[in-house]
PDB file of N, CA and C in Angstrom:
ATOM      1  N   MET A   1      10.574 -23.949  16.420  1.00  0.00           N
ATOM      2  CA  MET A   1      11.408 -23.292  15.447  1.00  0.00           C
ATOM      3  C   MET A   1      10.893 -23.610  14.051  1.00  0.00           C
ATOM      4  N   GLU A   2      10.861 -22.609  13.189  1.00  0.00           N
ATOM      5  CA  GLU A   2      10.350 -22.788  11.842  1.00  0.00           C
ATOM      6  C   GLU A   2      11.417 -23.358  10.918  1.00  0.00           C
ATOM      7  N   THR A   3      10.960 -24.160   9.984  1.00  0.00           N
ATOM      8  CA  THR A   3      11.890 -24.632   8.959  1.00  0.00           C
ATOM      9  C   THR A   3      12.071 -23.529   7.922  1.00  0.00           C
ATOM     10  N   LYS A   4      13.020 -23.718   7.046  1.00  0.00           N
ATOM     11  CA  LYS A   4      13.281 -22.721   6.014  1.00  0.00           C
ATOM     12  C   LYS A   4      12.029 -22.481   5.156  1.00  0.00           C
ATOM     13  N   GLU A   5      11.272 -23.534   4.842  1.00  0.00           N
ATOM     14  CA  GLU A   5      10.081 -23.405   4.019  1.00  0.00           C
ATOM     15  C   GLU A   5       8.964 -22.678   4.757  1.00  0.00           C
ATOM     16  N   GLN A   6       8.903 -22.824   6.074  1.00  0.00           N
ATOM     17  CA  GLN A   6       7.850 -22.198   6.857  1.00  0.00           C
ATOM     18  C   GLN A   6       8.200 -20.775   7.294  1.00  0.00           C
ATOM     19  N   GLU A   7       9.417 -20.382   7.084  1.00  0.00           N
ATOM     20  CA  GLU A   7       9.866 -19.070   7.522  1.00  0.00           C
ATOM     21  C   GLU A   7       9.035 -17.972   6.874  1.00  0.00           C
ATOM     22  N   ARG A   8       8.578 -17.045   7.682  1.00  0.00           N
ATOM     23  CA  ARG A   8       7.756 -15.945   7.173  1.00  0.00           C
ATOM     24  C   ARG A   8       8.624 -14.996   6.357  1.00  0.00           C
ATOM     25  N   LYS A   9       8.162 -14.695   5.161  1.00  0.00           N
ATOM     26  CA  LYS A   9       8.905 -13.787   4.298  1.00  0.00           C
ATOM     27  C   LYS A   9       8.055 -12.543   4.075  1.00  0.00           C
ATOM     28  N   TRP A  10       8.549 -11.400   4.532  1.00  0.00           N
ATOM     29  CA  TRP A  10       7.863 -10.143   4.307  1.00  0.00           C
ATOM     30  C   TRP A  10       8.880  -9.025   4.256  1.00  0.00           C
ATOM     31  N   HIS A  11       8.462  -7.908   3.729  1.00  0.00           N
ATOM     32  CA  HIS A  11       9.333  -6.758   3.602  1.00  0.00           C
ATOM     33  C   HIS A  11       8.628  -5.547   4.203  1.00  0.00           C
ATOM     34  N   LEU A  12       9.373  -4.527   4.450  1.00  0.00           N
ATOM     35  CA  LEU A  12       8.820  -3.297   4.993  1.00  0.00           C
ATOM     36  C   LEU A  12       8.887  -2.197   3.949  1.00  0.00           C
ATOM     37  N   VAL A  13       7.872  -1.345   3.958  1.00  0.00           N
ATOM     38  CA  VAL A  13       7.869  -0.144   3.133  1.00  0.00           C
ATOM     39  C   VAL A  13       7.683   1.042   4.065  1.00  0.00           C
ATOM     40  N   ARG A  14       8.201   2.171   3.669  1.00  0.00           N
ATOM     41  CA  ARG A  14       8.100   3.372   4.500  1.00  0.00           C
ATOM     42  C   ARG A  14       6.984   4.255   3.948  1.00  0.00           C
ATOM     43  N   ASN A  15       6.086   4.696   4.843  1.00  0.00           N
ATOM     44  CA  ASN A  15       5.021   5.574   4.377  1.00  0.00           C
ATOM     45  C   ASN A  15       5.522   7.011   4.312  1.00  0.00           C
ATOM     46  N   ASP A  16       4.663   7.926   3.860  1.00  0.00           N
ATOM     47  CA  ASP A  16       5.065   9.316   3.678  1.00  0.00           C
ATOM     48  C   ASP A  16       5.406  10.013   4.999  1.00  0.00           C
ATOM     49  N   ASN A  17       4.985   9.441   6.129  1.00  0.00           N
ATOM     50  CA  ASN A  17       5.315   9.994   7.448  1.00  0.00           C
ATOM     51  C   ASN A  17       6.596   9.393   8.026  1.00  0.00           C
ATOM     52  N   GLY A  18       7.228   8.493   7.292  1.00  0.00           N
ATOM     53  CA  GLY A  18       8.471   7.888   7.745  1.00  0.00           C
ATOM     54  C   GLY A  18       8.310   6.644   8.583  1.00  0.00           C
ATOM     55  N   GLU A  19       7.074   6.149   8.744  1.00  0.00           N
ATOM     56  CA  GLU A  19       6.829   4.938   9.517  1.00  0.00           C
ATOM     57  C   GLU A  19       7.002   3.712   8.632  1.00  0.00           C
ATOM     58  N   TRP A  20       7.466   2.624   9.232  1.00  0.00           N
ATOM     59  CA  TRP A  20       7.643   1.376   8.490  1.00  0.00           C
ATOM     60  C   TRP A  20       6.374   0.543   8.585  1.00  0.00           C
ATOM     61  N   ILE A  21       5.922   0.014   7.437  1.00  0.00           N
ATOM     62  CA  ILE A  21       4.705  -0.777   7.340  1.00  0.00           C
ATOM     63  C   ILE A  21       5.052  -2.097   6.644  1.00  0.00           C
ATOM     64  N   SER A  22       4.472  -3.187   7.125  1.00  0.00           N
ATOM     65  CA  SER A  22       4.673  -4.480   6.468  1.00  0.00           C
ATOM     66  C   SER A  22       4.015  -4.454   5.097  1.00  0.00           C
ATOM     67  N   ASP A  23       4.680  -5.033   4.103  1.00  0.00           N
ATOM     68  CA  ASP A  23       4.108  -5.042   2.762  1.00  0.00           C
ATOM     69  C   ASP A  23       2.868  -5.928   2.662  1.00  0.00           C
ATOM     70  N   GLU A  24       2.566  -6.692   3.708  1.00  0.00           N
ATOM     71  CA  GLU A  24       1.334  -7.479   3.732  1.00  0.00           C
ATOM     72  C   GLU A  24       0.115  -6.576   3.865  1.00  0.00           C
ATOM     73  N   ASN A  25       0.322  -5.354   4.331  1.00  0.00           N
ATOM     74  CA  ASN A  25      -0.779  -4.428   4.573  1.00  0.00           C
ATOM     75  C   ASN A  25      -0.916  -3.363   3.504  1.00  0.00           C
ATOM     76  N   VAL A  26      -0.212  -3.510   2.399  1.00  0.00           N
ATOM     77  CA  VAL A  26      -0.261  -2.491   1.356  1.00  0.00           C
ATOM     78  C   VAL A  26      -0.573  -3.119  -0.003  1.00  0.00           C
ATOM     79  N   VAL A  27      -1.023  -2.264  -0.926  1.00  0.00           N
ATOM     80  CA  VAL A  27      -1.271  -2.662  -2.308  1.00  0.00           C
ATOM     81  C   VAL A  27      -0.430  -1.744  -3.175  1.00  0.00           C
ATOM     82  N   PHE A  28       0.440  -2.309  -3.990  1.00  0.00           N
ATOM     83  CA  PHE A  28       1.262  -1.519  -4.891  1.00  0.00           C
ATOM     84  C   PHE A  28       0.445  -1.188  -6.136  1.00  0.00           C
ATOM     85  N   LEU A  29       0.588   0.040  -6.616  1.00  0.00           N
ATOM     86  CA  LEU A  29      -0.256   0.553  -7.686  1.00  0.00           C
ATOM     87  C   LEU A  29       0.562   1.139  -8.829  1.00  0.00           C
ATOM     88  N   THR A  30      -0.027   1.090 -10.019  1.00  0.00           N
ATOM     89  CA  THR A  30       0.523   1.853 -11.132  1.00  0.00           C
ATOM     90  C   THR A  30      -0.032   3.275 -11.007  1.00  0.00           C
ATOM     91  N   LYS A  31       0.485   4.198 -11.780  1.00  0.00           N
ATOM     92  CA  LYS A  31      -0.021   5.569 -11.749  1.00  0.00           C
ATOM     93  C   LYS A  31      -1.499   5.607 -12.145  1.00  0.00           C
ATOM     94  N   GLU A  32      -1.873   4.804 -13.115  1.00  0.00           N
ATOM     95  CA  GLU A  32      -3.260   4.764 -13.573  1.00  0.00           C
ATOM     96  C   GLU A  32      -4.186   4.216 -12.487  1.00  0.00           C
ATOM     97  N   GLU A  33      -3.752   3.154 -11.814  1.00  0.00           N
ATOM     98  CA  GLU A  33      -4.561   2.580 -10.728  1.00  0.00           C
ATOM     99  C   GLU A  33      -4.722   3.575  -9.585  1.00  0.00           C
ATOM    100  N   ALA A  34      -3.640   4.270  -9.243  1.00  0.00           N
ATOM    101  CA  ALA A  34      -3.700   5.258  -8.161  1.00  0.00           C
ATOM    102  C   ALA A  34      -4.675   6.381  -8.511  1.00  0.00           C
ATOM    103  N   ARG A  35      -4.604   6.872  -9.728  1.00  0.00           N
ATOM    104  CA  ARG A  35      -5.511   7.945 -10.166  1.00  0.00           C
ATOM    105  C   ARG A  35      -6.958   7.469 -10.145  1.00  0.00           C
ATOM    106  N   HIS A  36      -7.192   6.252 -10.625  1.00  0.00           N
ATOM    107  CA  HIS A  36      -8.547   5.685 -10.630  1.00  0.00           C
ATOM    108  C   HIS A  36      -9.090   5.565  -9.198  1.00  0.00           C
ATOM    109  N   LEU A  37      -8.269   5.067  -8.278  1.00  0.00           N
ATOM    110  CA  LEU A  37      -8.708   4.935  -6.887  1.00  0.00           C
ATOM    111  C   LEU A  37      -9.007   6.297  -6.263  1.00  0.00           C
ATOM    112  N   GLU A  38      -8.194   7.298  -6.577  1.00  0.00           N
ATOM    113  CA  GLU A  38      -8.441   8.641  -6.051  1.00  0.00           C
ATOM    114  C   GLU A  38      -9.786   9.175  -6.549  1.00  0.00           C
ATOM    115  N   ILE A  39     -10.071   8.982  -7.825  1.00  0.00           N
ATOM    116  CA  ILE A  39     -11.337   9.452  -8.391  1.00  0.00           C
ATOM    117  C   ILE A  39     -12.515   8.716  -7.771  1.00  0.00           C
ATOM    118  N   MET A  40     -12.421   7.384  -7.680  1.00  0.00           N
ATOM    119  CA  MET A  40     -13.514   6.592  -7.112  1.00  0.00           C
ATOM    120  C   MET A  40     -13.753   6.945  -5.646  1.00  0.00           C
ATOM    121  N   ALA A  41     -12.676   7.180  -4.903  1.00  0.00           N
ATOM    122  CA  ALA A  41     -12.813   7.555  -3.498  1.00  0.00           C
ATOM    123  C   ALA A  41     -13.514   8.908  -3.377  1.00  0.00           C
ATOM    124  N   ARG A  42     -13.110   9.865  -4.196  1.00  0.00           N
ATOM    125  CA  ARG A  42     -13.731  11.188  -4.167  1.00  0.00           C
ATOM    126  C   ARG A  42     -15.216  11.111  -4.501  1.00  0.00           C
ATOM    127  N   LEU A  43     -15.560  10.332  -5.526  1.00  0.00           N
ATOM    128  CA  LEU A  43     -16.962  10.200  -5.934  1.00  0.00           C
ATOM    129  C   LEU A  43     -17.830   9.565  -4.850  1.00  0.00           C
ATOM    130  N   SER A  44     -17.229   8.694  -4.045  1.00  0.00           N
ATOM    131  CA  SER A  44     -17.995   8.030  -2.982  1.00  0.00           C
ATOM    132  C   SER A  44     -17.864   8.743  -1.639  1.00  0.00           C
ATOM    133  N   GLY A  45     -17.182   9.875  -1.622  1.00  0.00           N
ATOM    134  CA  GLY A  45     -17.050  10.652  -0.385  1.00  0.00           C
ATOM    135  C   GLY A  45     -16.037  10.099   0.593  1.00  0.00           C
ATOM    136  N   LYS A  46     -15.151   9.244   0.120  1.00  0.00           N
ATOM    137  CA  LYS A  46     -14.127   8.651   0.988  1.00  0.00           C
ATOM    138  C   LYS A  46     -12.768   9.261   0.673  1.00  0.00           C
ATOM    139  N   ARG A  47     -11.825   9.009   1.541  1.00  0.00           N
ATOM    140  CA  ARG A  47     -10.453   9.460   1.320  1.00  0.00           C
ATOM    141  C   ARG A  47      -9.558   8.248   1.159  1.00  0.00           C
ATOM    142  N   ILE A  48      -8.572   8.390   0.310  1.00  0.00           N
ATOM    143  CA  ILE A  48      -7.572   7.337   0.136  1.00  0.00           C
ATOM    144  C   ILE A  48      -6.201   7.991   0.241  1.00  0.00           C
ATOM    145  N   SER A  49      -5.300   7.313   0.873  1.00  0.00           N
ATOM    146  CA  SER A  49      -3.971   7.855   1.119  1.00  0.00           C
ATOM    147  C   SER A  49      -2.959   7.169   0.207  1.00  0.00           C
ATOM    148  N   ILE A  50      -2.684   7.777  -0.941  1.00  0.00           N
ATOM    149  CA  ILE A  50      -1.687   7.244  -1.856  1.00  0.00           C
ATOM    150  C   ILE A  50      -0.307   7.617  -1.319  1.00  0.00           C
ATOM    151  N   GLN A  51       0.543   6.619  -1.124  1.00  0.00           N
ATOM    152  CA  GLN A  51       1.878   6.809  -0.582  1.00  0.00           C
ATOM    153  C   GLN A  51       2.912   6.711  -1.703  1.00  0.00           C
ATOM    154  N   HIS A  52       4.047   7.339  -1.511  1.00  0.00           N
ATOM    155  CA  HIS A  52       5.097   7.386  -2.533  1.00  0.00           C
ATOM    156  C   HIS A  52       6.364   6.723  -2.002  1.00  0.00           C
ATOM    157  N   GLY A  53       6.791   5.656  -2.667  1.00  0.00           N
ATOM    158  CA  GLY A  53       8.021   4.979  -2.296  1.00  0.00           C
ATOM    159  C   GLY A  53       9.239   5.758  -2.754  1.00  0.00           C
ATOM    160  N   CYS A  54      10.381   5.456  -2.192  1.00  0.00           N
ATOM    161  CA  CYS A  54      11.604   6.189  -2.516  1.00  0.00           C
ATOM    162  C   CYS A  54      12.053   5.970  -3.950  1.00  0.00           C
ATOM    163  N   ASP A  55      11.651   4.877  -4.559  1.00  0.00           N
ATOM    164  CA  ASP A  55      12.038   4.619  -5.947  1.00  0.00           C
ATOM    165  C   ASP A  55      10.914   4.953  -6.926  1.00  0.00           C
ATOM    166  N   GLY A  56       9.959   5.760  -6.479  1.00  0.00           N
ATOM    167  CA  GLY A  56       8.873   6.203  -7.348  1.00  0.00           C
ATOM    168  C   GLY A  56       7.661   5.304  -7.363  1.00  0.00           C
ATOM    169  N   GLU A  57       7.688   4.197  -6.617  1.00  0.00           N
ATOM    170  CA  GLU A  57       6.530   3.314  -6.600  1.00  0.00           C
ATOM    171  C   GLU A  57       5.404   3.952  -5.792  1.00  0.00           C
ATOM    172  N   LEU A  58       4.181   3.633  -6.164  1.00  0.00           N
ATOM    173  CA  LEU A  58       3.001   4.121  -5.467  1.00  0.00           C
ATOM    174  C   LEU A  58       2.329   2.958  -4.766  1.00  0.00           C
ATOM    175  N   TRP A  59       1.765   3.228  -3.598  1.00  0.00           N
ATOM    176  CA  TRP A  59       1.040   2.200  -2.885  1.00  0.00           C
ATOM    177  C   TRP A  59       0.025   2.858  -1.962  1.00  0.00           C
ATOM    178  N   CYS A  60      -0.926   2.058  -1.495  1.00  0.00           N
ATOM    179  CA  CYS A  60      -1.874   2.532  -0.496  1.00  0.00           C
ATOM    180  C   CYS A  60      -2.146   1.387   0.468  1.00  0.00           C
ATOM    181  N   TYR A  61      -2.785   1.716   1.559  1.00  0.00           N
ATOM    182  CA  TYR A  61      -3.102   0.707   2.566  1.00  0.00           C
ATOM    183  C   TYR A  61      -4.186  -0.227   2.044  1.00  0.00           C
ATOM    184  N   LYS A  62      -4.006  -1.506   2.278  1.00  0.00           N
ATOM    185  CA  LYS A  62      -4.929  -2.530   1.778  1.00  0.00           C
ATOM    186  C   LYS A  62      -6.358  -2.298   2.274  1.00  0.00           C
ATOM    187  N   HIS A  63      -6.511  -1.871   3.523  1.00  0.00           N
ATOM    188  CA  HIS A  63      -7.857  -1.667   4.048  1.00  0.00           C
ATOM    189  C   HIS A  63      -8.585  -0.518   3.348  1.00  0.00           C
ATOM    190  N   GLU A  64      -7.855   0.436   2.772  1.00  0.00           N
ATOM    191  CA  GLU A  64      -8.506   1.522   2.051  1.00  0.00           C
ATOM    192  C   GLU A  64      -9.041   1.058   0.702  1.00  0.00           C
ATOM    193  N   VAL A  65      -8.386   0.110   0.090  1.00  0.00           N
ATOM    194  CA  VAL A  65      -8.842  -0.409  -1.203  1.00  0.00           C
ATOM    195  C   VAL A  65     -10.034  -1.316  -1.016  1.00  0.00           C
ATOM    196  N   ASN A  66     -10.087  -2.038   0.089  1.00  0.00           N
ATOM    197  CA  ASN A  66     -11.156  -2.996   0.344  1.00  0.00           C
ATOM    198  C   ASN A  66     -12.448  -2.339   0.827  1.00  0.00           C
ATOM    199  N   CYS A  67     -12.401  -1.063   1.159  1.00  0.00           N
ATOM    200  CA  CYS A  67     -13.610  -0.382   1.655  1.00  0.00           C
ATOM    201  C   CYS A  67     -14.507   0.070   0.536  1.00  0.00           C
TER     202      CYS A  67
END
């Protein structure tokens, strides 16, 4: 059994398809960061999936930023 200090703390975010994703697997972005990533992805021939949170926040999958 974990102690209070060792307890895993994470939250879920919902992607544009309605699936729940752990926030450990996402990167939250400003509008400027999202636009920059979209441009860089296009220039390198890759795709990036910018997701929209219910409160207007933007995020993408961590593995897409690391590629």
